[in-house]
Amino acid sequence: MTVFRLVVVSAGLSKPSSTRLLADRLTESTVRQLSDGGRQIDVTVVELRDLATEIANNFVTGFPGAALRAAIEAVTGADAVIAVTPIFTASYSGLFKSFFDLVDHDALTGKPVLIAATGGTPRHSLALEHAVRPLFSYLRAVVVPTAVYAATDDWGAAGDGLTGGLPGRIDRAAGELAALLAGRGPAAPALPEQVVPFAEQLAALRA
C-alpha cells in the first residue's frame, strides 16, 4: 500500500494553542481526503515550542541537538509539509523563521507545502501572502494555492469554502495538498551512498 509521509510543523507558543488546533484540523482533513483514495498516511508533528532552546543553541554553536536534528530530518524527508505559525507584528513568528533558517535551502525543492497561520484579528491575514508564501517560494517548495488564516472569531463561525468559513477553507486547502500528493506519489527513499575505494578510483584513472 502507498504510504505518504506528512510532517506538520506547529509554531504555537502556548499549550494548548490555536496554532496547534489549526494544524490538527488541517492534518485531519488532509488525511481524510487521502484515505478516501485508499492511501495510507504517516503523520509526524513537530512542535517548535519544544525545540526553542535547541534552535537557539544551534545558532550559537552551529550544531543541532538530537531532537532538533530529528525534526529537520523529518521535514526534509517528508512527502509534504503543513506549516502553521502565529502572526506577530504582521509576519511569521521568530521561532518559525528560525527553524526554517536551519533547513537546507535545497531540501524543500518541489515539496508540496500547505501554509497556515493564526492571529487575534483578521487584519493580519495578508501576512500569509506577503511573508509566509515568499519564504517557501524562496525555498522552491510547491505551495498550495489556498492559504488558511484563522482569527479568534473564525473558530465559531459557520460557512463554506466559498463564503470564507474556516471549515471550508481548511477542507479546500487540504484537498489541494491531497491532490498534489496523489499526483506525485510518495518520494523514493534515498539510496545509501556508495563509497568507491581510492585504489579503485586510481585504477580507473590509469586505465
N, C-alpha and C. Protein backbone atom coordinates (compact mmCIF):
# COMPACT_ATOMS: atom_id res chain seq x y z
N MET A 1 0.84 -1.20 0.00
CA MET A 1 0.00 0.00 0.00
C MET A 1 0.88 1.25 0.00
N THR A 2 0.44 2.28 -0.76
CA THR A 2 1.16 3.54 -0.81
C THR A 2 1.12 4.24 0.54
N VAL A 3 2.28 4.66 1.05
CA VAL A 3 2.35 5.37 2.33
C VAL A 3 2.98 6.74 2.08
N PHE A 4 2.26 7.78 2.45
CA PHE A 4 2.75 9.15 2.34
C PHE A 4 3.24 9.64 3.70
N ARG A 5 4.36 10.32 3.69
CA ARG A 5 4.91 10.88 4.92
C ARG A 5 4.55 12.37 4.99
N LEU A 6 3.64 12.68 5.91
CA LEU A 6 3.17 14.06 6.10
C LEU A 6 3.75 14.59 7.40
N VAL A 7 4.47 15.71 7.32
CA VAL A 7 5.05 16.32 8.52
C VAL A 7 4.36 17.66 8.77
N VAL A 8 3.92 17.85 10.00
CA VAL A 8 3.19 19.05 10.40
C VAL A 8 4.07 19.85 11.35
N VAL A 9 4.35 21.10 10.99
CA VAL A 9 5.18 21.98 11.81
C VAL A 9 4.28 23.03 12.44
N SER A 10 4.22 23.04 13.77
CA SER A 10 3.40 24.00 14.51
C SER A 10 4.29 24.89 15.36
N ALA A 11 4.13 26.20 15.19
CA ALA A 11 4.97 27.15 15.92
C ALA A 11 4.21 27.85 17.04
N GLY A 12 3.14 27.26 17.52
CA GLY A 12 2.41 27.86 18.62
C GLY A 12 3.24 27.91 19.89
N LEU A 13 3.05 28.94 20.69
CA LEU A 13 3.85 29.12 21.89
C LEU A 13 3.15 28.66 23.16
N SER A 14 1.83 28.72 23.18
CA SER A 14 1.10 28.30 24.37
C SER A 14 0.72 26.83 24.26
N LYS A 15 0.21 26.30 25.34
CA LYS A 15 -0.18 24.89 25.36
C LYS A 15 -1.43 24.73 26.21
N PRO A 16 -2.60 24.49 25.57
CA PRO A 16 -2.81 24.32 24.12
C PRO A 16 -2.76 25.66 23.39
N SER A 17 -2.68 25.58 22.06
CA SER A 17 -2.61 26.81 21.26
C SER A 17 -3.55 26.71 20.07
N SER A 18 -4.03 27.85 19.62
CA SER A 18 -4.89 27.87 18.43
C SER A 18 -4.08 27.46 17.20
N THR A 19 -2.77 27.72 17.23
CA THR A 19 -1.92 27.32 16.11
C THR A 19 -1.89 25.80 15.97
N ARG A 20 -1.72 25.10 17.08
CA ARG A 20 -1.73 23.64 17.03
C ARG A 20 -3.13 23.13 16.67
N LEU A 21 -4.16 23.79 17.15
CA LEU A 21 -5.51 23.39 16.82
C LEU A 21 -5.75 23.47 15.32
N LEU A 22 -5.32 24.57 14.71
CA LEU A 22 -5.46 24.72 13.26
C LEU A 22 -4.64 23.66 12.53
N ALA A 23 -3.43 23.41 13.01
CA ALA A 23 -2.58 22.37 12.40
C ALA A 23 -3.27 21.02 12.45
N ASP A 24 -3.89 20.71 13.58
CA ASP A 24 -4.58 19.42 13.72
C ASP A 24 -5.77 19.32 12.76
N ARG A 25 -6.52 20.40 12.62
CA ARG A 25 -7.67 20.38 11.72
C ARG A 25 -7.23 20.20 10.26
N LEU A 26 -6.17 20.85 9.88
CA LEU A 26 -5.66 20.70 8.52
C LEU A 26 -5.15 19.28 8.28
N THR A 27 -4.49 18.73 9.29
CA THR A 27 -3.99 17.37 9.18
C THR A 27 -5.13 16.37 9.04
N GLU A 28 -6.15 16.52 9.89
CA GLU A 28 -7.29 15.61 9.84
C GLU A 28 -7.96 15.64 8.47
N SER A 29 -8.13 16.83 7.90
CA SER A 29 -8.79 16.94 6.60
C SER A 29 -7.92 16.34 5.50
N THR A 30 -6.63 16.59 5.55
CA THR A 30 -5.72 16.03 4.54
C THR A 30 -5.71 14.51 4.60
N VAL A 31 -5.60 13.97 5.81
CA VAL A 31 -5.58 12.51 5.98
C VAL A 31 -6.89 11.90 5.50
N ARG A 32 -8.01 12.54 5.83
CA ARG A 32 -9.30 12.01 5.41
C ARG A 32 -9.43 11.97 3.89
N GLN A 33 -9.00 13.04 3.24
CA GLN A 33 -9.15 13.11 1.79
C GLN A 33 -8.19 12.17 1.07
N LEU A 34 -7.01 11.95 1.63
CA LEU A 34 -6.10 10.98 1.04
C LEU A 34 -6.57 9.55 1.30
N SER A 35 -7.11 9.31 2.50
CA SER A 35 -7.57 7.98 2.86
C SER A 35 -8.75 7.55 2.01
N ASP A 36 -9.55 8.51 1.56
CA ASP A 36 -10.68 8.19 0.70
C ASP A 36 -10.22 7.54 -0.60
N GLY A 37 -8.98 7.81 -0.99
CA GLY A 37 -8.42 7.21 -2.20
C GLY A 37 -7.65 5.93 -1.92
N GLY A 38 -7.80 5.41 -0.70
CA GLY A 38 -7.15 4.15 -0.37
C GLY A 38 -5.67 4.28 -0.06
N ARG A 39 -5.24 5.47 0.35
CA ARG A 39 -3.83 5.69 0.63
C ARG A 39 -3.59 5.74 2.14
N GLN A 40 -2.41 5.34 2.54
CA GLN A 40 -2.04 5.35 3.95
C GLN A 40 -1.13 6.53 4.21
N ILE A 41 -1.32 7.19 5.36
CA ILE A 41 -0.56 8.40 5.67
C ILE A 41 0.15 8.22 7.01
N ASP A 42 1.42 8.52 7.02
CA ASP A 42 2.22 8.50 8.25
C ASP A 42 2.45 9.95 8.66
N VAL A 43 1.87 10.36 9.78
CA VAL A 43 1.92 11.77 10.21
C VAL A 43 2.92 11.95 11.34
N THR A 44 3.78 12.95 11.19
CA THR A 44 4.70 13.36 12.25
C THR A 44 4.46 14.83 12.57
N VAL A 45 4.28 15.14 13.84
CA VAL A 45 4.04 16.53 14.25
C VAL A 45 5.31 17.06 14.92
N VAL A 46 5.77 18.22 14.46
CA VAL A 46 6.93 18.89 15.04
C VAL A 46 6.44 20.13 15.79
N GLU A 47 6.55 20.11 17.10
CA GLU A 47 6.17 21.26 17.93
C GLU A 47 7.42 22.10 18.17
N LEU A 48 7.49 23.26 17.52
CA LEU A 48 8.69 24.09 17.64
C LEU A 48 8.86 24.64 19.05
N ARG A 49 7.78 24.78 19.78
CA ARG A 49 7.86 25.26 21.17
C ARG A 49 8.82 24.38 21.98
N ASP A 50 8.78 23.07 21.72
CA ASP A 50 9.62 22.13 22.47
C ASP A 50 11.08 22.15 22.00
N LEU A 51 11.33 22.81 20.87
CA LEU A 51 12.68 22.83 20.31
C LEU A 51 13.34 24.20 20.41
N ALA A 52 12.67 25.14 21.09
CA ALA A 52 13.15 26.53 21.10
C ALA A 52 14.58 26.65 21.61
N THR A 53 14.89 25.96 22.70
CA THR A 53 16.25 26.05 23.26
C THR A 53 17.27 25.45 22.31
N GLU A 54 16.97 24.31 21.71
CA GLU A 54 17.91 23.69 20.78
C GLU A 54 18.10 24.54 19.53
N ILE A 55 17.04 25.19 19.07
CA ILE A 55 17.16 26.07 17.91
C ILE A 55 18.11 27.23 18.22
N ALA A 56 17.93 27.85 19.40
CA ALA A 56 18.81 28.96 19.79
C ALA A 56 20.25 28.48 19.93
N ASN A 57 20.45 27.33 20.56
CA ASN A 57 21.81 26.79 20.72
C ASN A 57 22.46 26.49 19.38
N ASN A 58 21.66 26.04 18.41
CA ASN A 58 22.22 25.74 17.09
C ASN A 58 22.80 26.99 16.44
N PHE A 59 22.12 28.12 16.62
CA PHE A 59 22.64 29.35 16.02
C PHE A 59 23.95 29.77 16.68
N VAL A 60 24.12 29.46 17.95
CA VAL A 60 25.34 29.84 18.67
C VAL A 60 26.48 28.86 18.41
N THR A 61 26.16 27.56 18.43
CA THR A 61 27.20 26.54 18.33
C THR A 61 27.40 25.99 16.93
N GLY A 62 26.34 26.08 16.11
CA GLY A 62 26.41 25.50 14.78
C GLY A 62 26.09 24.02 14.74
N PHE A 63 25.68 23.45 15.86
CA PHE A 63 25.38 22.02 15.93
C PHE A 63 23.98 21.81 16.49
N PRO A 64 23.14 21.03 15.79
CA PRO A 64 21.79 20.76 16.31
C PRO A 64 21.81 19.67 17.37
N GLY A 65 20.92 19.79 18.34
CA GLY A 65 20.73 18.71 19.31
C GLY A 65 20.00 17.56 18.65
N ALA A 66 19.88 16.46 19.37
CA ALA A 66 19.28 15.26 18.78
C ALA A 66 17.83 15.47 18.36
N ALA A 67 17.04 16.14 19.21
CA ALA A 67 15.63 16.36 18.88
C ALA A 67 15.48 17.29 17.69
N LEU A 68 16.29 18.34 17.63
CA LEU A 68 16.23 19.28 16.51
C LEU A 68 16.67 18.59 15.23
N ARG A 69 17.72 17.79 15.29
CA ARG A 69 18.19 17.07 14.11
C ARG A 69 17.09 16.15 13.58
N ALA A 70 16.41 15.46 14.49
CA ALA A 70 15.33 14.56 14.08
C ALA A 70 14.19 15.34 13.41
N ALA A 71 13.88 16.52 13.95
CA ALA A 71 12.81 17.34 13.37
C ALA A 71 13.18 17.81 11.97
N ILE A 72 14.41 18.26 11.80
CA ILE A 72 14.86 18.72 10.47
C ILE A 72 14.84 17.57 9.48
N GLU A 73 15.30 16.41 9.91
CA GLU A 73 15.30 15.24 9.03
C GLU A 73 13.89 14.82 8.66
N ALA A 74 12.96 14.96 9.60
CA ALA A 74 11.57 14.62 9.32
C ALA A 74 11.00 15.54 8.25
N VAL A 75 11.28 16.85 8.36
CA VAL A 75 10.78 17.81 7.38
C VAL A 75 11.40 17.58 6.02
N THR A 76 12.69 17.40 5.97
CA THR A 76 13.36 17.24 4.68
C THR A 76 13.03 15.89 4.03
N GLY A 77 12.66 14.90 4.84
CA GLY A 77 12.32 13.60 4.28
C GLY A 77 10.85 13.39 4.02
N ALA A 78 10.04 14.40 4.28
CA ALA A 78 8.59 14.27 4.12
C ALA A 78 8.18 14.32 2.66
N ASP A 79 7.02 13.73 2.38
CA ASP A 79 6.42 13.88 1.06
C ASP A 79 5.67 15.20 0.95
N ALA A 80 5.21 15.72 2.08
CA ALA A 80 4.51 17.00 2.11
C ALA A 80 4.59 17.58 3.51
N VAL A 81 4.44 18.91 3.59
CA VAL A 81 4.56 19.61 4.87
C VAL A 81 3.36 20.53 5.06
N ILE A 82 2.82 20.53 6.26
CA ILE A 82 1.85 21.54 6.68
C ILE A 82 2.57 22.43 7.69
N ALA A 83 2.67 23.72 7.40
CA ALA A 83 3.42 24.64 8.25
C ALA A 83 2.49 25.72 8.77
N VAL A 84 2.39 25.83 10.09
CA VAL A 84 1.45 26.77 10.71
C VAL A 84 2.18 27.64 11.73
N THR A 85 1.99 28.94 11.61
CA THR A 85 2.66 29.88 12.51
C THR A 85 1.66 30.89 13.08
N PRO A 86 1.87 31.34 14.30
CA PRO A 86 1.13 32.52 14.76
C PRO A 86 1.70 33.75 14.06
N ILE A 87 0.87 34.76 13.92
CA ILE A 87 1.32 36.00 13.30
C ILE A 87 1.58 37.04 14.38
N PHE A 88 2.82 37.55 14.40
CA PHE A 88 3.22 38.61 15.32
C PHE A 88 3.71 39.80 14.51
N THR A 89 3.16 40.98 14.78
CA THR A 89 3.59 42.20 14.09
C THR A 89 3.57 42.01 12.58
N ALA A 90 2.47 41.44 12.08
CA ALA A 90 2.21 41.29 10.65
C ALA A 90 3.19 40.36 9.94
N SER A 91 3.78 39.41 10.65
CA SER A 91 4.67 38.45 10.00
C SER A 91 4.70 37.15 10.80
N TYR A 92 5.42 36.15 10.26
CA TYR A 92 5.56 34.88 10.97
C TYR A 92 6.35 35.09 12.26
N SER A 93 6.25 34.12 13.16
CA SER A 93 6.96 34.24 14.43
C SER A 93 8.45 34.02 14.23
N GLY A 94 9.25 34.56 15.14
CA GLY A 94 10.69 34.37 15.06
C GLY A 94 11.09 32.91 15.20
N LEU A 95 10.36 32.17 16.02
CA LEU A 95 10.65 30.75 16.20
C LEU A 95 10.43 29.98 14.91
N PHE A 96 9.34 30.28 14.22
CA PHE A 96 9.02 29.64 12.94
C PHE A 96 10.12 29.92 11.92
N LYS A 97 10.51 31.18 11.78
CA LYS A 97 11.53 31.55 10.81
C LYS A 97 12.88 30.94 11.19
N SER A 98 13.21 30.93 12.46
CA SER A 98 14.50 30.39 12.90
C SER A 98 14.62 28.91 12.55
N PHE A 99 13.52 28.16 12.73
CA PHE A 99 13.57 26.74 12.40
C PHE A 99 13.84 26.54 10.91
N PHE A 100 13.10 27.24 10.07
CA PHE A 100 13.28 27.03 8.63
C PHE A 100 14.59 27.63 8.12
N ASP A 101 15.20 28.54 8.90
CA ASP A 101 16.55 29.00 8.56
C ASP A 101 17.57 27.87 8.68
N LEU A 102 17.25 26.87 9.50
CA LEU A 102 18.17 25.76 9.72
C LEU A 102 17.97 24.62 8.73
N VAL A 103 16.92 24.70 7.93
CA VAL A 103 16.66 23.68 6.90
C VAL A 103 17.45 24.04 5.66
N ASP A 104 18.16 23.07 5.10
CA ASP A 104 18.95 23.31 3.89
C ASP A 104 18.10 23.94 2.80
N HIS A 105 18.66 24.92 2.12
CA HIS A 105 17.89 25.69 1.13
C HIS A 105 17.39 24.85 -0.03
N ASP A 106 17.99 23.71 -0.28
CA ASP A 106 17.55 22.86 -1.38
C ASP A 106 16.65 21.71 -0.93
N ALA A 107 16.46 21.55 0.37
CA ALA A 107 15.77 20.36 0.89
C ALA A 107 14.28 20.35 0.60
N LEU A 108 13.67 21.52 0.40
CA LEU A 108 12.23 21.56 0.15
C LEU A 108 11.89 21.77 -1.32
N THR A 109 12.88 21.71 -2.19
CA THR A 109 12.64 21.93 -3.62
C THR A 109 11.61 20.95 -4.15
N GLY A 110 10.53 21.49 -4.70
CA GLY A 110 9.48 20.66 -5.29
C GLY A 110 8.56 19.98 -4.31
N LYS A 111 8.73 20.23 -3.02
CA LYS A 111 7.92 19.55 -2.00
C LYS A 111 6.61 20.30 -1.78
N PRO A 112 5.46 19.62 -1.81
CA PRO A 112 4.18 20.29 -1.55
C PRO A 112 4.10 20.80 -0.11
N VAL A 113 3.69 22.05 0.04
CA VAL A 113 3.58 22.66 1.36
C VAL A 113 2.25 23.40 1.46
N LEU A 114 1.55 23.18 2.57
CA LEU A 114 0.34 23.92 2.87
C LEU A 114 0.70 24.91 3.99
N ILE A 115 0.45 26.19 3.76
CA ILE A 115 0.78 27.20 4.76
C ILE A 115 -0.49 27.70 5.44
N ALA A 116 -0.36 27.97 6.74
CA ALA A 116 -1.50 28.46 7.52
C ALA A 116 -0.98 29.31 8.66
N ALA A 117 -1.88 30.11 9.23
CA ALA A 117 -1.47 31.00 10.32
C ALA A 117 -2.67 31.32 11.20
N THR A 118 -2.36 31.75 12.41
CA THR A 118 -3.39 32.19 13.35
C THR A 118 -3.04 33.58 13.86
N GLY A 119 -4.08 34.29 14.28
CA GLY A 119 -3.87 35.62 14.84
C GLY A 119 -5.12 36.11 15.54
N GLY A 120 -4.98 37.20 16.25
CA GLY A 120 -6.11 37.71 17.01
C GLY A 120 -7.11 38.49 16.18
N THR A 121 -6.67 38.98 15.03
CA THR A 121 -7.54 39.83 14.22
C THR A 121 -7.40 39.47 12.75
N PRO A 122 -8.47 39.60 11.95
CA PRO A 122 -8.39 39.31 10.52
C PRO A 122 -7.43 40.24 9.77
N ARG A 123 -7.05 41.36 10.37
CA ARG A 123 -6.17 42.31 9.69
C ARG A 123 -4.81 41.71 9.35
N HIS A 124 -4.42 40.64 10.06
CA HIS A 124 -3.11 40.04 9.82
C HIS A 124 -3.13 38.93 8.77
N SER A 125 -4.28 38.68 8.15
CA SER A 125 -4.39 37.55 7.23
C SER A 125 -3.46 37.66 6.03
N LEU A 126 -3.18 38.87 5.57
CA LEU A 126 -2.32 39.05 4.40
C LEU A 126 -0.86 38.69 4.68
N ALA A 127 -0.53 38.49 5.95
CA ALA A 127 0.84 38.08 6.27
C ALA A 127 1.18 36.74 5.60
N LEU A 128 0.19 35.91 5.38
CA LEU A 128 0.44 34.65 4.69
C LEU A 128 0.95 34.89 3.28
N GLU A 129 0.44 35.92 2.63
CA GLU A 129 0.83 36.17 1.24
C GLU A 129 2.09 37.02 1.10
N HIS A 130 2.30 37.95 2.05
CA HIS A 130 3.48 38.81 1.89
C HIS A 130 4.69 38.35 2.70
N ALA A 131 4.51 37.33 3.56
CA ALA A 131 5.63 36.86 4.37
C ALA A 131 5.83 35.35 4.27
N VAL A 132 4.79 34.57 4.57
CA VAL A 132 4.95 33.12 4.65
C VAL A 132 5.11 32.49 3.27
N ARG A 133 4.25 32.86 2.33
CA ARG A 133 4.37 32.28 0.98
C ARG A 133 5.71 32.62 0.33
N PRO A 134 6.20 33.87 0.40
CA PRO A 134 7.51 34.15 -0.18
C PRO A 134 8.64 33.34 0.46
N LEU A 135 8.53 33.03 1.75
CA LEU A 135 9.56 32.23 2.41
C LEU A 135 9.68 30.87 1.74
N PHE A 136 8.55 30.20 1.52
CA PHE A 136 8.59 28.87 0.93
C PHE A 136 8.82 28.92 -0.57
N SER A 137 8.45 30.01 -1.21
CA SER A 137 8.80 30.17 -2.62
C SER A 137 10.32 30.30 -2.77
N TYR A 138 10.95 31.01 -1.84
CA TYR A 138 12.41 31.11 -1.86
C TYR A 138 13.06 29.74 -1.70
N LEU A 139 12.44 28.89 -0.88
CA LEU A 139 12.96 27.53 -0.69
C LEU A 139 12.54 26.59 -1.82
N ARG A 140 11.84 27.12 -2.82
CA ARG A 140 11.43 26.40 -4.03
C ARG A 140 10.46 25.25 -3.73
N ALA A 141 9.68 25.41 -2.67
CA ALA A 141 8.62 24.46 -2.38
C ALA A 141 7.43 24.75 -3.29
N VAL A 142 6.53 23.78 -3.44
CA VAL A 142 5.30 23.97 -4.19
C VAL A 142 4.19 24.27 -3.18
N VAL A 143 3.85 25.54 -3.05
CA VAL A 143 2.87 25.97 -2.05
C VAL A 143 1.47 25.89 -2.64
N VAL A 144 0.55 25.23 -1.92
CA VAL A 144 -0.81 25.10 -2.45
C VAL A 144 -1.46 26.48 -2.56
N PRO A 145 -2.39 26.65 -3.52
CA PRO A 145 -2.97 27.98 -3.75
C PRO A 145 -3.70 28.56 -2.55
N THR A 146 -4.40 27.73 -1.78
CA THR A 146 -5.20 28.24 -0.67
C THR A 146 -4.38 28.25 0.62
N ALA A 147 -4.15 29.43 1.16
CA ALA A 147 -3.52 29.57 2.47
C ALA A 147 -4.64 29.79 3.49
N VAL A 148 -4.50 29.21 4.67
CA VAL A 148 -5.57 29.26 5.66
C VAL A 148 -5.17 30.14 6.83
N TYR A 149 -5.96 31.18 7.06
CA TYR A 149 -5.74 32.05 8.21
C TYR A 149 -6.94 31.94 9.14
N ALA A 150 -6.67 31.80 10.42
CA ALA A 150 -7.75 31.70 11.41
C ALA A 150 -7.58 32.78 12.47
N ALA A 151 -8.48 33.74 12.48
CA ALA A 151 -8.53 34.73 13.55
C ALA A 151 -9.37 34.17 14.70
N THR A 152 -9.32 34.84 15.82
CA THR A 152 -10.05 34.37 17.00
C THR A 152 -11.52 34.15 16.70
N ASP A 153 -12.13 35.08 15.97
CA ASP A 153 -13.57 35.00 15.68
C ASP A 153 -13.91 33.88 14.70
N ASP A 154 -12.93 33.36 13.96
CA ASP A 154 -13.21 32.34 12.95
C ASP A 154 -13.61 31.00 13.55
N TRP A 155 -13.17 30.73 14.78
CA TRP A 155 -13.38 29.39 15.33
C TRP A 155 -14.84 29.07 15.56
N GLY A 156 -15.67 30.07 15.77
CA GLY A 156 -17.09 29.79 15.99
C GLY A 156 -17.96 30.11 14.80
N ALA A 157 -17.34 30.55 13.68
CA ALA A 157 -18.12 30.99 12.53
C ALA A 157 -18.50 29.81 11.65
N ALA A 158 -19.69 29.86 11.08
CA ALA A 158 -20.14 28.84 10.13
C ALA A 158 -19.93 29.36 8.71
N GLY A 159 -19.95 28.43 7.77
CA GLY A 159 -19.80 28.83 6.37
C GLY A 159 -19.08 27.78 5.59
N ASP A 160 -18.97 27.99 4.26
CA ASP A 160 -18.26 27.04 3.42
C ASP A 160 -17.06 27.72 2.80
N GLY A 161 -16.34 26.97 1.95
CA GLY A 161 -15.10 27.48 1.37
C GLY A 161 -15.30 28.68 0.48
N LEU A 162 -16.52 28.87 -0.05
CA LEU A 162 -16.76 29.99 -0.95
C LEU A 162 -17.15 31.25 -0.20
N THR A 163 -17.65 31.11 1.00
CA THR A 163 -18.08 32.28 1.76
C THR A 163 -17.10 32.67 2.84
N GLY A 164 -15.99 31.96 2.96
CA GLY A 164 -14.96 32.35 3.89
C GLY A 164 -14.98 31.63 5.21
N GLY A 165 -15.90 30.67 5.40
CA GLY A 165 -15.93 29.94 6.66
C GLY A 165 -14.66 29.12 6.84
N LEU A 166 -14.17 29.07 8.07
CA LEU A 166 -12.92 28.37 8.35
C LEU A 166 -12.97 26.89 7.97
N PRO A 167 -14.03 26.13 8.31
CA PRO A 167 -14.06 24.71 7.92
C PRO A 167 -13.94 24.51 6.42
N GLY A 168 -14.58 25.37 5.65
CA GLY A 168 -14.50 25.26 4.19
C GLY A 168 -13.11 25.55 3.67
N ARG A 169 -12.46 26.57 4.25
CA ARG A 169 -11.10 26.90 3.80
C ARG A 169 -10.13 25.77 4.15
N ILE A 170 -10.32 25.17 5.33
CA ILE A 170 -9.47 24.05 5.73
C ILE A 170 -9.61 22.90 4.75
N ASP A 171 -10.84 22.53 4.41
CA ASP A 171 -11.05 21.41 3.50
C ASP A 171 -10.54 21.71 2.10
N ARG A 172 -10.69 22.96 1.67
CA ARG A 172 -10.22 23.29 0.33
C ARG A 172 -8.69 23.23 0.26
N ALA A 173 -8.01 23.80 1.24
CA ALA A 173 -6.54 23.76 1.23
C ALA A 173 -6.03 22.33 1.38
N ALA A 174 -6.66 21.56 2.27
CA ALA A 174 -6.25 20.17 2.45
C ALA A 174 -6.49 19.36 1.19
N GLY A 175 -7.58 19.65 0.48
CA GLY A 175 -7.85 18.97 -0.78
C GLY A 175 -6.80 19.27 -1.82
N GLU A 176 -6.34 20.50 -1.85
CA GLU A 176 -5.27 20.86 -2.81
C GLU A 176 -3.97 20.13 -2.48
N LEU A 177 -3.66 20.02 -1.19
CA LEU A 177 -2.46 19.29 -0.79
C LEU A 177 -2.60 17.81 -1.11
N ALA A 178 -3.77 17.24 -0.82
CA ALA A 178 -4.01 15.82 -1.11
C ALA A 178 -3.90 15.54 -2.60
N ALA A 179 -4.41 16.45 -3.42
CA ALA A 179 -4.34 16.26 -4.87
C ALA A 179 -2.89 16.28 -5.36
N LEU A 180 -2.11 17.20 -4.80
CA LEU A 180 -0.69 17.25 -5.18
C LEU A 180 0.02 15.96 -4.81
N LEU A 181 -0.25 15.47 -3.61
CA LEU A 181 0.38 14.23 -3.15
C LEU A 181 -0.05 13.04 -4.00
N ALA A 182 -1.34 12.95 -4.28
CA ALA A 182 -1.85 11.82 -5.06
C ALA A 182 -1.26 11.82 -6.46
N GLY A 183 -1.02 13.01 -7.01
CA GLY A 183 -0.46 13.10 -8.35
C GLY A 183 1.02 12.77 -8.41
N ARG A 184 1.73 13.05 -7.32
CA ARG A 184 3.17 12.83 -7.29
C ARG A 184 3.54 11.42 -6.86
N GLY A 185 2.77 10.86 -5.93
CA GLY A 185 3.16 9.60 -5.31
C GLY A 185 4.24 9.86 -4.28
N PRO A 186 4.48 8.90 -3.39
CA PRO A 186 5.48 9.09 -2.34
C PRO A 186 6.88 9.14 -2.92
N ALA A 187 7.75 9.91 -2.28
CA ALA A 187 9.14 10.00 -2.73
C ALA A 187 9.85 8.68 -2.47
N ALA A 188 10.73 8.34 -3.38
CA ALA A 188 11.52 7.12 -3.19
C ALA A 188 12.52 7.33 -2.07
N PRO A 189 12.76 6.34 -1.24
CA PRO A 189 13.75 6.51 -0.17
C PRO A 189 15.12 6.74 -0.75
N ALA A 190 15.91 7.55 -0.04
CA ALA A 190 17.26 7.86 -0.52
C ALA A 190 18.12 6.59 -0.51
N LEU A 191 18.87 6.41 -1.57
CA LEU A 191 19.76 5.26 -1.65
C LEU A 191 21.01 5.51 -0.83
N PRO A 192 21.54 4.50 -0.18
CA PRO A 192 22.76 4.69 0.59
C PRO A 192 23.91 5.09 -0.32
N GLU A 193 24.72 6.00 0.16
CA GLU A 193 25.85 6.47 -0.63
C GLU A 193 26.87 5.34 -0.80
N GLN A 194 27.29 5.14 -2.03
CA GLN A 194 28.27 4.11 -2.33
C GLN A 194 29.66 4.74 -2.40
N VAL A 195 30.54 4.29 -1.54
CA VAL A 195 31.89 4.83 -1.49
C VAL A 195 32.81 3.91 -2.27
N VAL A 196 33.45 4.47 -3.29
CA VAL A 196 34.39 3.70 -4.10
C VAL A 196 35.78 3.85 -3.49
N PRO A 197 36.42 2.73 -3.15
CA PRO A 197 37.77 2.81 -2.56
C PRO A 197 38.73 3.59 -3.46
N PHE A 198 39.64 4.30 -2.80
CA PHE A 198 40.56 5.16 -3.55
C PHE A 198 41.38 4.35 -4.55
N ALA A 199 41.79 3.13 -4.19
CA ALA A 199 42.59 2.31 -5.10
C ALA A 199 41.85 2.02 -6.40
N GLU A 200 40.50 1.79 -6.28
CA GLU A 200 39.72 1.54 -7.47
C GLU A 200 39.58 2.79 -8.33
N GLN A 201 39.42 3.94 -7.67
CA GLN A 201 39.34 5.20 -8.43
C GLN A 201 40.63 5.45 -9.16
N LEU A 202 41.75 5.19 -8.50
CA LEU A 202 43.07 5.43 -9.11
C LEU A 202 43.28 4.49 -10.29
N ALA A 203 42.86 3.22 -10.13
CA ALA A 203 42.99 2.26 -11.23
C ALA A 203 42.15 2.66 -12.42
N ALA A 204 40.96 3.20 -12.16
CA ALA A 204 40.10 3.63 -13.26
C ALA A 204 40.71 4.80 -14.02
N LEU A 205 41.37 5.69 -13.30
CA LEU A 205 42.02 6.83 -13.96
C LEU A 205 43.18 6.41 -14.83
N ARG A 206 43.90 5.35 -14.41
CA ARG A 206 45.07 4.87 -15.15
C ARG A 206 44.68 4.02 -16.36
N ALA A 207 43.45 3.51 -16.35
CA ALA A 207 43.04 2.61 -17.44
C ALA A 207 42.91 3.36 -18.76
